[in-house]
Amino acid sequence: MAYTELRFKIVEERSEGILRYKLLDNHTGEYVSVLPEYGGAINGMALQHNGELVEIMSGYSSENELKEILNSSFRGSNLFPFPNRIQDAKYTFQNEVHELNMNFPHENNAIHGLVFDKAFKVVDAEDGEIACILILEFNSKPMPGYPFTYLFKVIYRLNEGSGFDCMVKISNNMDQSIPVAHGWHPYFMAGIKQVNGISLEFPADVMLDVDDRNIPTGKEEKYSEFNTLKQIGETQLDNCFRLMPGNNIASTILKDEQSGFGYRIWQETGKYKYNYLQIYTPPDRKSIAIEPMTSAPNAFNNEKGLIVLAPFESIDASWGISHLS
């Protein structure tokens, strides 16, 4: 019998100085690109539409670009142990004050966690006929401002029919409780040059009011502007939304109505899951950041969505991307 290559394959490649692991569907050409040396960032994805591949994520094309703008753009980054901002780069946990690196000095905040530029270890890569799987791990040491240790595992999967899914598993390695929160920071496109012409839908319950440093004030307001599919137009967003309660899955839809191309970005909700969503439209409006988060900004201080992991406790949460049905 002649050997037939498996449909789904993990491809390791290095180009322009960047090590990439690509989850590839050999039949359709669809893929997801991951950067293990930069926190397991998701650096690109393409979906098929009418026989052609359409790039749906904005990533980094070279190591020089990555090193130049990673700390300001955070494209595709893995955000842990906190997403978004920590006010004044300080927080108190169990009566002890901790000071983080203030990596957003123009706002006087810490932002987007401590692992987005850390090298993760590839512990498994499996090809298959119905799916391929890539597993990365990061076994932490105490860091400035975060003297806690944990095991962080990411499982990326590209599946026949159901698309891409990504699970994180966070395990407390200590005999004391630790504070955690998590998020992702992918920038999406829908095959056209600007997001103004894209239609957006997401199940917001409330929008969190923020001050001029993008720190929540404690006020919330009902928000339903994009609870049904609506063209983004000139709308500017850099806001955090708490999602509607009572559903196990929340979905954000992006669609180019003219071509009919669109896709769904889903996230698990519920206890210890992605109950918040940050949406950001960059000034160039060439993409839109759709950011699943387990917590609100400044969670280490305001405790909105903060997870306190008990000694040796583990949790997991998933999100993913699929074609519109």
C-alpha atoms as a PDB file:
ATOM      1  CA  MET A   1       0.000   0.000   0.000  1.00  0.00           C
ATOM      2  CA  ALA A   2       1.361   3.420  -0.921  1.00  0.00           C
ATOM      3  CA  TYR A   3       2.057   5.817   1.942  1.00  0.00           C
ATOM      4  CA  THR A   4      -0.420   8.665   2.200  1.00  0.00           C
ATOM      5  CA  GLU A   5       0.557  11.786   4.138  1.00  0.00           C
ATOM      6  CA  LEU A   6      -1.725  12.570   7.040  1.00  0.00           C
ATOM      7  CA  ARG A   7      -4.131  15.416   6.408  1.00  0.00           C
ATOM      8  CA  PHE A   8      -3.179  17.483   9.487  1.00  0.00           C
ATOM      9  CA  LYS A   9       0.471  18.216  10.157  1.00  0.00           C
ATOM     10  CA  ILE A  10       2.681  20.232  12.507  1.00  0.00           C
ATOM     11  CA  VAL A  11       5.346  22.033  10.461  1.00  0.00           C
ATOM     12  CA  GLU A  12       8.402  23.571  12.126  1.00  0.00           C
ATOM     13  CA  GLU A  13      10.028  26.405  10.202  1.00  0.00           C
ATOM     14  CA  ARG A  14      12.356  29.321  10.816  1.00  0.00           C
ATOM     15  CA  SER A  15      12.241  32.333   8.520  1.00  0.00           C
ATOM     16  CA  GLU A  16      13.248  35.975   8.939  1.00  0.00           C
ATOM     17  CA  GLY A  17      14.742  34.957  12.284  1.00  0.00           C
ATOM     18  CA  ILE A  18      11.440  33.711  13.766  1.00  0.00           C
ATOM     19  CA  LEU A  19      10.810  30.101  14.818  1.00  0.00           C
ATOM     20  CA  ARG A  20       7.257  29.156  13.879  1.00  0.00           C
ATOM     21  CA  TYR A  21       5.220  26.045  14.419  1.00  0.00           C
ATOM     22  CA  LYS A  22       2.429  25.807  11.881  1.00  0.00           C
ATOM     23  CA  LEU A  23      -0.688  23.693  12.392  1.00  0.00           C
ATOM     24  CA  LEU A  24      -1.548  22.858   8.775  1.00  0.00           C
ATOM     25  CA  ASP A  25      -4.494  21.257   6.989  1.00  0.00           C
ATOM     26  CA  ASN A  26      -2.886  19.738   3.881  1.00  0.00           C
ATOM     27  CA  HIS A  27      -6.253  19.391   2.137  1.00  0.00           C
ATOM     28  CA  THR A  28      -7.425  22.998   2.417  1.00  0.00           C
ATOM     29  CA  GLY A  29      -4.178  24.872   3.098  1.00  0.00           C
ATOM     30  CA  GLU A  30      -5.726  26.400   6.214  1.00  0.00           C
ATOM     31  CA  TYR A  31      -3.248  26.952   9.019  1.00  0.00           C
ATOM     32  CA  VAL A  32      -2.470  28.509  12.381  1.00  0.00           C
ATOM     33  CA  SER A  33       1.031  29.816  13.168  1.00  0.00           C
ATOM     34  CA  VAL A  34       2.462  29.791  16.716  1.00  0.00           C
ATOM     35  CA  LEU A  35       5.640  31.393  18.132  1.00  0.00           C
ATOM     36  CA  PRO A  36       6.974  29.227  20.993  1.00  0.00           C
ATOM     37  CA  GLU A  37       9.901  31.562  21.676  1.00  0.00           C
ATOM     38  CA  TYR A  38       7.500  34.460  22.355  1.00  0.00           C
ATOM     39  CA  GLY A  39       5.030  33.105  24.873  1.00  0.00           C
ATOM     40  CA  GLY A  40       3.286  30.813  22.405  1.00  0.00           C
ATOM     41  CA  ALA A  41       1.813  33.812  20.578  1.00  0.00           C
ATOM     42  CA  ILE A  42      -0.605  33.075  17.761  1.00  0.00           C
ATOM     43  CA  ASN A  43       1.049  34.848  14.860  1.00  0.00           C
ATOM     44  CA  GLY A  44      -1.206  34.085  11.923  1.00  0.00           C
ATOM     45  CA  MET A  45      -4.155  32.124  10.630  1.00  0.00           C
ATOM     46  CA  ALA A  46      -5.728  31.573   7.234  1.00  0.00           C
ATOM     47  CA  LEU A  47      -9.172  30.240   6.339  1.00  0.00           C
ATOM     48  CA  GLN A  48     -10.456  29.112   2.978  1.00  0.00           C
ATOM     49  CA  HIS A  49     -13.233  31.006   1.216  1.00  0.00           C
ATOM     50  CA  ASN A  50     -14.467  30.223  -2.288  1.00  0.00           C
ATOM     51  CA  GLY A  51     -11.370  28.167  -3.001  1.00  0.00           C
ATOM     52  CA  GLU A  52      -8.892  30.824  -1.831  1.00  0.00           C
ATOM     53  CA  LEU A  53      -7.008  31.275   1.437  1.00  0.00           C
ATOM     54  CA  VAL A  54      -7.803  34.440   3.365  1.00  0.00           C
ATOM     55  CA  GLU A  55      -5.434  35.695   6.067  1.00  0.00           C
ATOM     56  CA  ILE A  56      -7.484  36.566   9.150  1.00  0.00           C
ATOM     57  CA  MET A  57      -4.780  37.543  11.667  1.00  0.00           C
ATOM     58  CA  SER A  58      -2.204  40.296  11.730  1.00  0.00           C
ATOM     59  CA  GLY A  59       1.152  39.029  13.000  1.00  0.00           C
ATOM     60  CA  TYR A  60       4.887  39.677  12.739  1.00  0.00           C
ATOM     61  CA  SER A  61       6.754  39.031   9.501  1.00  0.00           C
ATOM     62  CA  SER A  62      10.307  39.213  10.878  1.00  0.00           C
ATOM     63  CA  GLU A  63      12.293  39.074  14.088  1.00  0.00           C
ATOM     64  CA  ASN A  64      13.257  42.731  13.652  1.00  0.00           C
ATOM     65  CA  GLU A  65       9.595  43.766  13.449  1.00  0.00           C
ATOM     66  CA  LEU A  66       8.735  41.593  16.417  1.00  0.00           C
ATOM     67  CA  LYS A  67      11.462  43.038  18.616  1.00  0.00           C
ATOM     68  CA  GLU A  68      10.624  46.585  17.522  1.00  0.00           C
ATOM     69  CA  ILE A  69       6.888  46.605  18.268  1.00  0.00           C
ATOM     70  CA  LEU A  70       6.033  43.559  20.406  1.00  0.00           C
ATOM     71  CA  ASN A  71       6.079  45.655  23.584  1.00  0.00           C
ATOM     72  CA  SER A  72       3.588  48.134  22.156  1.00  0.00           C
ATOM     73  CA  SER A  73       1.339  46.028  19.915  1.00  0.00           C
ATOM     74  CA  PHE A  74       1.250  42.613  21.667  1.00  0.00           C
ATOM     75  CA  ARG A  75      -0.144  41.022  18.492  1.00  0.00           C
ATOM     76  CA  GLY A  76      -1.370  37.524  19.231  1.00  0.00           C
ATOM     77  CA  SER A  77       0.265  37.550  22.661  1.00  0.00           C
ATOM     78  CA  ASN A  78      -0.432  35.194  25.531  1.00  0.00           C
ATOM     79  CA  LEU A  79      -1.321  37.380  28.532  1.00  0.00           C
ATOM     80  CA  PHE A  80      -0.498  35.869  31.922  1.00  0.00           C
ATOM     81  CA  PRO A  81      -0.642  36.149  34.939  1.00  0.00           C
ATOM     82  CA  PHE A  82      -2.814  39.138  34.066  1.00  0.00           C
ATOM     83  CA  PRO A  83      -4.274  40.572  30.860  1.00  0.00           C
ATOM     84  CA  ASN A  84      -4.596  44.284  30.252  1.00  0.00           C
ATOM     85  CA  ARG A  85      -3.463  46.741  32.921  1.00  0.00           C
ATOM     86  CA  ILE A  86      -2.410  46.833  36.575  1.00  0.00           C
ATOM     87  CA  GLN A  87      -2.760  50.334  37.995  1.00  0.00           C
ATOM     88  CA  ASP A  88       0.565  51.900  39.035  1.00  0.00           C
ATOM     89  CA  ALA A  89       2.150  48.453  38.474  1.00  0.00           C
ATOM     90  CA  LYS A  90       1.275  47.613  42.102  1.00  0.00           C
ATOM     91  CA  TYR A  91      -1.121  45.276  43.865  1.00  0.00           C
ATOM     92  CA  THR A  92      -1.681  43.751  47.282  1.00  0.00           C
ATOM     93  CA  PHE A  93      -2.203  40.027  47.756  1.00  0.00           C
ATOM     94  CA  GLN A  94      -2.659  38.444  51.178  1.00  0.00           C
ATOM     95  CA  ASN A  95      -1.581  41.673  52.858  1.00  0.00           C
ATOM     96  CA  GLU A  96       1.679  41.896  50.928  1.00  0.00           C
ATOM     97  CA  VAL A  97       2.374  44.674  48.418  1.00  0.00           C
ATOM     98  CA  HIS A  98       3.958  43.619  45.117  1.00  0.00           C
ATOM     99  CA  GLU A  99       5.539  45.929  42.530  1.00  0.00           C
ATOM    100  CA  LEU A 100       5.602  44.864  38.881  1.00  0.00           C
ATOM    101  CA  ASN A 101       7.732  46.179  36.059  1.00  0.00           C
ATOM    102  CA  MET A 102       6.025  49.326  34.764  1.00  0.00           C
ATOM    103  CA  ASN A 103       6.196  48.409  31.059  1.00  0.00           C
ATOM    104  CA  PHE A 104       3.591  51.016  30.030  1.00  0.00           C
ATOM    105  CA  PRO A 105       5.193  54.114  31.588  1.00  0.00           C
ATOM    106  CA  HIS A 106       3.179  56.667  29.591  1.00  0.00           C
ATOM    107  CA  GLU A 107       0.103  55.396  31.468  1.00  0.00           C
ATOM    108  CA  ASN A 108       1.978  54.598  34.689  1.00  0.00           C
ATOM    109  CA  ASN A 109       0.727  51.002  34.426  1.00  0.00           C
ATOM    110  CA  ALA A 110       1.958  47.452  33.995  1.00  0.00           C
ATOM    111  CA  ILE A 111       0.345  45.770  31.004  1.00  0.00           C
ATOM    112  CA  HIS A 112      -0.341  42.300  29.568  1.00  0.00           C
ATOM    113  CA  GLY A 113       1.446  40.061  32.008  1.00  0.00           C
ATOM    114  CA  LEU A 114       4.898  38.531  32.225  1.00  0.00           C
ATOM    115  CA  VAL A 115       5.134  35.715  29.657  1.00  0.00           C
ATOM    116  CA  PHE A 116       4.514  37.343  26.256  1.00  0.00           C
ATOM    117  CA  ASP A 117       8.264  37.457  25.578  1.00  0.00           C
ATOM    118  CA  LYS A 118       9.255  34.222  27.344  1.00  0.00           C
ATOM    119  CA  ALA A 119      10.374  31.037  25.574  1.00  0.00           C
ATOM    120  CA  PHE A 120       7.942  28.148  25.944  1.00  0.00           C
ATOM    121  CA  LYS A 121       8.980  24.505  25.590  1.00  0.00           C
ATOM    122  CA  VAL A 122       7.440  22.333  22.873  1.00  0.00           C
ATOM    123  CA  VAL A 123       6.448  19.145  24.704  1.00  0.00           C
ATOM    124  CA  ASP A 124       4.323  17.453  22.025  1.00  0.00           C
ATOM    125  CA  ALA A 125       3.482  17.801  18.330  1.00  0.00           C
ATOM    126  CA  GLU A 126       1.099  15.275  16.805  1.00  0.00           C
ATOM    127  CA  ASP A 127       0.022  14.899  13.182  1.00  0.00           C
ATOM    128  CA  GLY A 128      -3.276  13.197  12.409  1.00  0.00           C
ATOM    129  CA  GLU A 129      -5.995  12.446   9.915  1.00  0.00           C
ATOM    130  CA  ILE A 130      -8.725  14.410  11.692  1.00  0.00           C
ATOM    131  CA  ALA A 131      -6.633  16.891  13.727  1.00  0.00           C
ATOM    132  CA  CYS A 132      -3.131  17.984  14.668  1.00  0.00           C
ATOM    133  CA  ILE A 133      -2.057  19.052  18.150  1.00  0.00           C
ATOM    134  CA  LEU A 134       0.760  21.247  19.450  1.00  0.00           C
ATOM    135  CA  ILE A 135       1.462  21.463  23.198  1.00  0.00           C
ATOM    136  CA  LEU A 136       3.694  24.082  24.816  1.00  0.00           C
ATOM    137  CA  GLU A 137       4.695  24.471  28.473  1.00  0.00           C
ATOM    138  CA  PHE A 138       6.206  27.151  30.653  1.00  0.00           C
ATOM    139  CA  ASN A 139       7.405  26.144  34.126  1.00  0.00           C
ATOM    140  CA  SER A 140       7.858  29.424  35.921  1.00  0.00           C
ATOM    141  CA  LYS A 141      10.313  30.780  38.422  1.00  0.00           C
ATOM    142  CA  PRO A 142       9.529  33.690  40.754  1.00  0.00           C
ATOM    143  CA  MET A 143       9.587  36.984  38.843  1.00  0.00           C
ATOM    144  CA  PRO A 144       9.867  40.593  40.033  1.00  0.00           C
ATOM    145  CA  GLY A 145       6.450  41.567  41.368  1.00  0.00           C
ATOM    146  CA  TYR A 146       5.107  38.020  40.996  1.00  0.00           C
ATOM    147  CA  PRO A 147       6.956  35.688  43.402  1.00  0.00           C
ATOM    148  CA  PHE A 148       4.693  32.733  42.629  1.00  0.00           C
ATOM    149  CA  THR A 149       5.414  29.567  40.666  1.00  0.00           C
ATOM    150  CA  TYR A 150       3.117  27.729  38.312  1.00  0.00           C
ATOM    151  CA  LEU A 151       3.004  25.402  35.325  1.00  0.00           C
ATOM    152  CA  PHE A 152       1.388  26.954  32.264  1.00  0.00           C
ATOM    153  CA  LYS A 153       0.367  24.629  29.421  1.00  0.00           C
ATOM    154  CA  VAL A 154      -1.159  25.597  26.069  1.00  0.00           C
ATOM    155  CA  ILE A 155      -2.809  23.029  23.801  1.00  0.00           C
ATOM    156  CA  TYR A 156      -3.402  24.201  20.221  1.00  0.00           C
ATOM    157  CA  ARG A 157      -5.521  22.047  17.925  1.00  0.00           C
ATOM    158  CA  LEU A 158      -6.590  22.330  14.279  1.00  0.00           C
ATOM    159  CA  ASN A 159      -9.566  20.085  13.595  1.00  0.00           C
ATOM    160  CA  GLU A 160     -11.513  18.765  10.638  1.00  0.00           C
ATOM    161  CA  GLY A 161     -14.825  20.570  10.492  1.00  0.00           C
ATOM    162  CA  SER A 162     -14.644  22.513  13.761  1.00  0.00           C
ATOM    163  CA  GLY A 163     -11.592  24.689  13.037  1.00  0.00           C
ATOM    164  CA  PHE A 164      -9.061  25.876  15.595  1.00  0.00           C
ATOM    165  CA  ASP A 165      -9.250  25.624  19.367  1.00  0.00           C
ATOM    166  CA  CYS A 166      -6.832  26.617  22.090  1.00  0.00           C
ATOM    167  CA  MET A 167      -6.890  25.462  25.714  1.00  0.00           C
ATOM    168  CA  VAL A 168      -4.754  26.837  28.523  1.00  0.00           C
ATOM    169  CA  LYS A 169      -4.183  24.872  31.702  1.00  0.00           C
ATOM    170  CA  ILE A 170      -2.774  26.723  34.705  1.00  0.00           C
ATOM    171  CA  SER A 171      -1.444  24.768  37.694  1.00  0.00           C
ATOM    172  CA  ASN A 172      -0.383  26.290  40.994  1.00  0.00           C
ATOM    173  CA  ASN A 173       2.978  24.721  41.963  1.00  0.00           C
ATOM    174  CA  MET A 174       2.988  26.178  45.467  1.00  0.00           C
ATOM    175  CA  ASP A 175       1.671  25.273  48.902  1.00  0.00           C
ATOM    176  CA  GLN A 176       0.029  28.706  49.076  1.00  0.00           C
ATOM    177  CA  SER A 177      -2.681  30.394  47.033  1.00  0.00           C
ATOM    178  CA  ILE A 178      -1.693  32.537  44.042  1.00  0.00           C
ATOM    179  CA  PRO A 179      -3.566  35.240  42.039  1.00  0.00           C
ATOM    180  CA  VAL A 180      -4.066  34.581  38.324  1.00  0.00           C
ATOM    181  CA  ALA A 181      -5.936  35.916  35.322  1.00  0.00           C
ATOM    182  CA  HIS A 182      -5.463  35.207  31.636  1.00  0.00           C
ATOM    183  CA  GLY A 183      -6.174  36.536  28.166  1.00  0.00           C
ATOM    184  CA  TRP A 184      -5.176  36.463  24.500  1.00  0.00           C
ATOM    185  CA  HIS A 185      -4.506  39.412  22.182  1.00  0.00           C
ATOM    186  CA  PRO A 186      -5.114  38.421  18.534  1.00  0.00           C
ATOM    187  CA  TYR A 187      -5.646  41.083  15.879  1.00  0.00           C
ATOM    188  CA  PHE A 188      -8.199  40.011  13.267  1.00  0.00           C
ATOM    189  CA  MET A 189      -8.985  40.915   9.678  1.00  0.00           C
ATOM    190  CA  ALA A 190     -11.715  39.733   7.319  1.00  0.00           C
ATOM    191  CA  GLY A 191     -10.091  39.956   3.918  1.00  0.00           C
ATOM    192  CA  ILE A 192     -10.551  43.686   3.325  1.00  0.00           C
ATOM    193  CA  LYS A 193      -8.178  46.603   3.887  1.00  0.00           C
ATOM    194  CA  GLN A 194      -9.962  48.325   6.774  1.00  0.00           C
ATOM    195  CA  VAL A 195     -12.277  47.161   9.534  1.00  0.00           C
ATOM    196  CA  ASN A 196     -14.778  49.943   8.765  1.00  0.00           C
ATOM    197  CA  GLY A 197     -16.465  47.693   6.198  1.00  0.00           C
ATOM    198  CA  ILE A 198     -16.582  44.634   8.471  1.00  0.00           C
ATOM    199  CA  SER A 199     -19.686  43.699  10.415  1.00  0.00           C
ATOM    200  CA  LEU A 200     -19.265  42.804  14.088  1.00  0.00           C
ATOM    201  CA  GLU A 201     -21.406  40.978  16.629  1.00  0.00           C
ATOM    202  CA  PHE A 202     -20.660  40.053  20.253  1.00  0.00           C
ATOM    203  CA  PRO A 203     -22.870  39.310  23.289  1.00  0.00           C
ATOM    204  CA  ALA A 204     -22.037  42.215  25.601  1.00  0.00           C
ATOM    205  CA  ASP A 205     -23.918  42.580  28.864  1.00  0.00           C
ATOM    206  CA  VAL A 206     -22.195  45.698  30.207  1.00  0.00           C
ATOM    207  CA  MET A 207     -19.268  47.919  29.274  1.00  0.00           C
ATOM    208  CA  LEU A 208     -16.804  48.903  31.985  1.00  0.00           C
ATOM    209  CA  ASP A 209     -16.185  52.615  32.380  1.00  0.00           C
ATOM    210  CA  VAL A 210     -12.476  53.534  32.467  1.00  0.00           C
ATOM    211  CA  ASP A 211     -10.453  56.601  33.351  1.00  0.00           C
ATOM    212  CA  ASP A 212      -7.900  58.357  31.140  1.00  0.00           C
ATOM    213  CA  ARG A 213      -5.337  55.639  32.007  1.00  0.00           C
ATOM    214  CA  ASN A 214      -7.728  52.877  30.894  1.00  0.00           C
ATOM    215  CA  ILE A 215      -8.273  51.686  34.465  1.00  0.00           C
ATOM    216  CA  PRO A 216     -11.867  50.726  35.373  1.00  0.00           C
ATOM    217  CA  THR A 217     -13.574  53.306  37.569  1.00  0.00           C
ATOM    218  CA  GLY A 218     -16.040  50.826  39.056  1.00  0.00           C
ATOM    219  CA  LYS A 219     -18.930  52.164  36.995  1.00  0.00           C
ATOM    220  CA  GLU A 220     -20.660  49.973  34.413  1.00  0.00           C
ATOM    221  CA  GLU A 221     -23.216  50.715  31.732  1.00  0.00           C
ATOM    222  CA  LYS A 222     -25.491  48.511  29.709  1.00  0.00           C
ATOM    223  CA  TYR A 223     -24.163  47.969  26.193  1.00  0.00           C
ATOM    224  CA  SER A 224     -25.918  46.357  23.254  1.00  0.00           C
ATOM    225  CA  GLU A 225     -24.553  48.233  20.206  1.00  0.00           C
ATOM    226  CA  PHE A 226     -23.198  45.082  18.579  1.00  0.00           C
ATOM    227  CA  ASN A 227     -25.437  42.433  20.104  1.00  0.00           C
ATOM    228  CA  THR A 228     -26.618  41.829  16.547  1.00  0.00           C
ATOM    229  CA  LEU A 229     -24.462  41.933  13.426  1.00  0.00           C
ATOM    230  CA  LYS A 230     -23.688  45.545  12.517  1.00  0.00           C
ATOM    231  CA  GLN A 231     -21.067  47.255  10.368  1.00  0.00           C
ATOM    232  CA  ILE A 232     -18.228  48.731  12.444  1.00  0.00           C
ATOM    233  CA  GLY A 233     -18.041  51.903  10.360  1.00  0.00           C
ATOM    234  CA  GLU A 234     -16.244  54.708  12.212  1.00  0.00           C
ATOM    235  CA  THR A 235     -16.782  53.174  15.663  1.00  0.00           C
ATOM    236  CA  GLN A 236     -13.682  53.394  17.852  1.00  0.00           C
ATOM    237  CA  LEU A 237     -13.266  50.835  20.599  1.00  0.00           C
ATOM    238  CA  ASP A 238     -10.745  50.219  23.342  1.00  0.00           C
ATOM    239  CA  ASN A 239     -13.163  48.838  25.879  1.00  0.00           C
ATOM    240  CA  CYS A 240     -13.756  45.877  28.141  1.00  0.00           C
ATOM    241  CA  PHE A 241     -17.128  44.168  28.139  1.00  0.00           C
ATOM    242  CA  ARG A 242     -18.577  41.675  30.583  1.00  0.00           C
ATOM    243  CA  LEU A 243     -20.383  39.058  28.574  1.00  0.00           C
ATOM    244  CA  MET A 244     -23.953  37.892  29.009  1.00  0.00           C
ATOM    245  CA  PRO A 245     -24.266  35.404  31.860  1.00  0.00           C
ATOM    246  CA  GLY A 246     -25.793  31.967  31.579  1.00  0.00           C
ATOM    247  CA  ASN A 247     -24.115  30.705  28.416  1.00  0.00           C
ATOM    248  CA  ASN A 248     -21.259  28.208  28.318  1.00  0.00           C
ATOM    249  CA  ILE A 249     -19.965  29.673  25.043  1.00  0.00           C
ATOM    250  CA  ALA A 250     -19.891  33.302  23.898  1.00  0.00           C
ATOM    251  CA  SER A 251     -19.268  34.043  20.228  1.00  0.00           C
ATOM    252  CA  THR A 252     -17.946  37.105  18.443  1.00  0.00           C
ATOM    253  CA  ILE A 253     -18.641  37.260  14.693  1.00  0.00           C
ATOM    254  CA  LEU A 254     -16.669  39.154  12.077  1.00  0.00           C
ATOM    255  CA  LYS A 255     -18.086  39.215   8.544  1.00  0.00           C
ATOM    256  CA  ASP A 256     -17.449  40.983   5.262  1.00  0.00           C
ATOM    257  CA  GLU A 257     -21.009  41.242   4.017  1.00  0.00           C
ATOM    258  CA  GLN A 258     -19.927  42.087   0.476  1.00  0.00           C
ATOM    259  CA  SER A 259     -17.930  38.893  -0.084  1.00  0.00           C
ATOM    260  CA  GLY A 260     -19.844  36.751   2.402  1.00  0.00           C
ATOM    261  CA  PHE A 261     -16.624  35.775   4.163  1.00  0.00           C
ATOM    262  CA  GLY A 262     -16.790  35.565   7.921  1.00  0.00           C
ATOM    263  CA  TYR A 263     -15.873  33.547  10.969  1.00  0.00           C
ATOM    264  CA  ARG A 264     -16.695  33.007  14.609  1.00  0.00           C
ATOM    265  CA  ILE A 265     -14.372  33.626  17.574  1.00  0.00           C
ATOM    266  CA  TRP A 266     -15.762  31.677  20.507  1.00  0.00           C
ATOM    267  CA  GLN A 267     -14.752  31.592  24.164  1.00  0.00           C
ATOM    268  CA  GLU A 268     -15.765  29.474  27.134  1.00  0.00           C
ATOM    269  CA  THR A 269     -17.628  31.328  29.859  1.00  0.00           C
ATOM    270  CA  GLY A 270     -18.489  30.344  33.417  1.00  0.00           C
ATOM    271  CA  LYS A 271     -16.415  29.788  36.553  1.00  0.00           C
ATOM    272  CA  TYR A 272     -12.701  30.418  35.880  1.00  0.00           C
ATOM    273  CA  LYS A 273     -13.399  30.948  32.164  1.00  0.00           C
ATOM    274  CA  TYR A 274     -13.290  33.839  29.675  1.00  0.00           C
ATOM    275  CA  ASN A 275     -16.155  35.974  30.979  1.00  0.00           C
ATOM    276  CA  TYR A 276     -14.742  39.262  29.669  1.00  0.00           C
ATOM    277  CA  LEU A 277     -13.929  40.564  26.215  1.00  0.00           C
ATOM    278  CA  GLN A 278     -11.662  43.480  25.334  1.00  0.00           C
ATOM    279  CA  ILE A 279     -12.116  44.959  21.849  1.00  0.00           C
ATOM    280  CA  TYR A 280      -9.656  47.421  20.358  1.00  0.00           C
ATOM    281  CA  THR A 281      -9.619  49.197  17.001  1.00  0.00           C
ATOM    282  CA  PRO A 282      -6.049  50.399  16.254  1.00  0.00           C
ATOM    283  CA  PRO A 283      -5.628  53.858  14.697  1.00  0.00           C
ATOM    284  CA  ASP A 284      -4.721  52.418  11.269  1.00  0.00           C
ATOM    285  CA  ARG A 285      -8.023  50.432  11.329  1.00  0.00           C
ATOM    286  CA  LYS A 286      -6.440  47.589   9.358  1.00  0.00           C
ATOM    287  CA  SER A 287      -7.406  45.052  12.016  1.00  0.00           C
ATOM    288  CA  ILE A 288      -9.420  44.681  15.206  1.00  0.00           C
ATOM    289  CA  ALA A 289      -8.204  43.092  18.445  1.00  0.00           C
ATOM    290  CA  ILE A 290     -10.709  40.604  19.901  1.00  0.00           C
ATOM    291  CA  GLU A 291      -9.332  39.623  23.308  1.00  0.00           C
ATOM    292  CA  PRO A 292     -10.894  36.823  25.420  1.00  0.00           C
ATOM    293  CA  MET A 293     -10.059  37.497  29.084  1.00  0.00           C
ATOM    294  CA  THR A 294     -10.861  35.795  32.376  1.00  0.00           C
ATOM    295  CA  SER A 295     -10.852  39.133  34.175  1.00  0.00           C
ATOM    296  CA  ALA A 296     -11.380  42.837  33.838  1.00  0.00           C
ATOM    297  CA  PRO A 297      -8.410  45.229  33.593  1.00  0.00           C
ATOM    298  CA  ASN A 298      -6.674  45.860  36.929  1.00  0.00           C
ATOM    299  CA  ALA A 299      -8.073  42.607  38.341  1.00  0.00           C
ATOM    300  CA  PHE A 300      -5.216  42.203  40.837  1.00  0.00           C
ATOM    301  CA  ASN A 301      -6.604  45.333  42.518  1.00  0.00           C
ATOM    302  CA  ASN A 302     -10.348  45.433  41.789  1.00  0.00           C
ATOM    303  CA  GLU A 303     -10.762  41.607  41.856  1.00  0.00           C
ATOM    304  CA  LYS A 304     -13.230  41.630  38.941  1.00  0.00           C
ATOM    305  CA  GLY A 305     -12.740  38.135  37.561  1.00  0.00           C
ATOM    306  CA  LEU A 306      -9.610  37.524  39.634  1.00  0.00           C
ATOM    307  CA  ILE A 307      -8.914  33.811  40.144  1.00  0.00           C
ATOM    308  CA  VAL A 308      -7.223  32.757  43.382  1.00  0.00           C
ATOM    309  CA  LEU A 309      -5.748  29.325  42.790  1.00  0.00           C
ATOM    310  CA  ALA A 310      -5.555  27.161  45.899  1.00  0.00           C
ATOM    311  CA  PRO A 311      -2.332  25.241  46.623  1.00  0.00           C
ATOM    312  CA  PHE A 312      -1.617  22.783  43.771  1.00  0.00           C
ATOM    313  CA  GLU A 313      -4.988  23.556  42.143  1.00  0.00           C
ATOM    314  CA  SER A 314      -5.362  23.541  38.328  1.00  0.00           C
ATOM    315  CA  ILE A 315      -7.858  25.229  36.016  1.00  0.00           C
ATOM    316  CA  ASP A 316      -8.370  25.331  32.264  1.00  0.00           C
ATOM    317  CA  ALA A 317     -10.156  27.534  29.745  1.00  0.00           C
ATOM    318  CA  SER A 318     -10.630  27.348  25.979  1.00  0.00           C
ATOM    319  CA  TRP A 319     -11.356  29.556  23.011  1.00  0.00           C
ATOM    320  CA  GLY A 320     -11.241  29.067  19.268  1.00  0.00           C
ATOM    321  CA  ILE A 321     -12.083  30.102  15.730  1.00  0.00           C
ATOM    322  CA  SER A 322     -14.402  28.465  13.218  1.00  0.00           C
ATOM    323  CA  HIS A 323     -16.132  29.171   9.910  1.00  0.00           C
ATOM    324  CA  LEU A 324     -19.618  30.602  10.094  1.00  0.00           C
ATOM    325  CA  SER A 325     -22.080  27.742   9.715  1.00  0.00           C
END
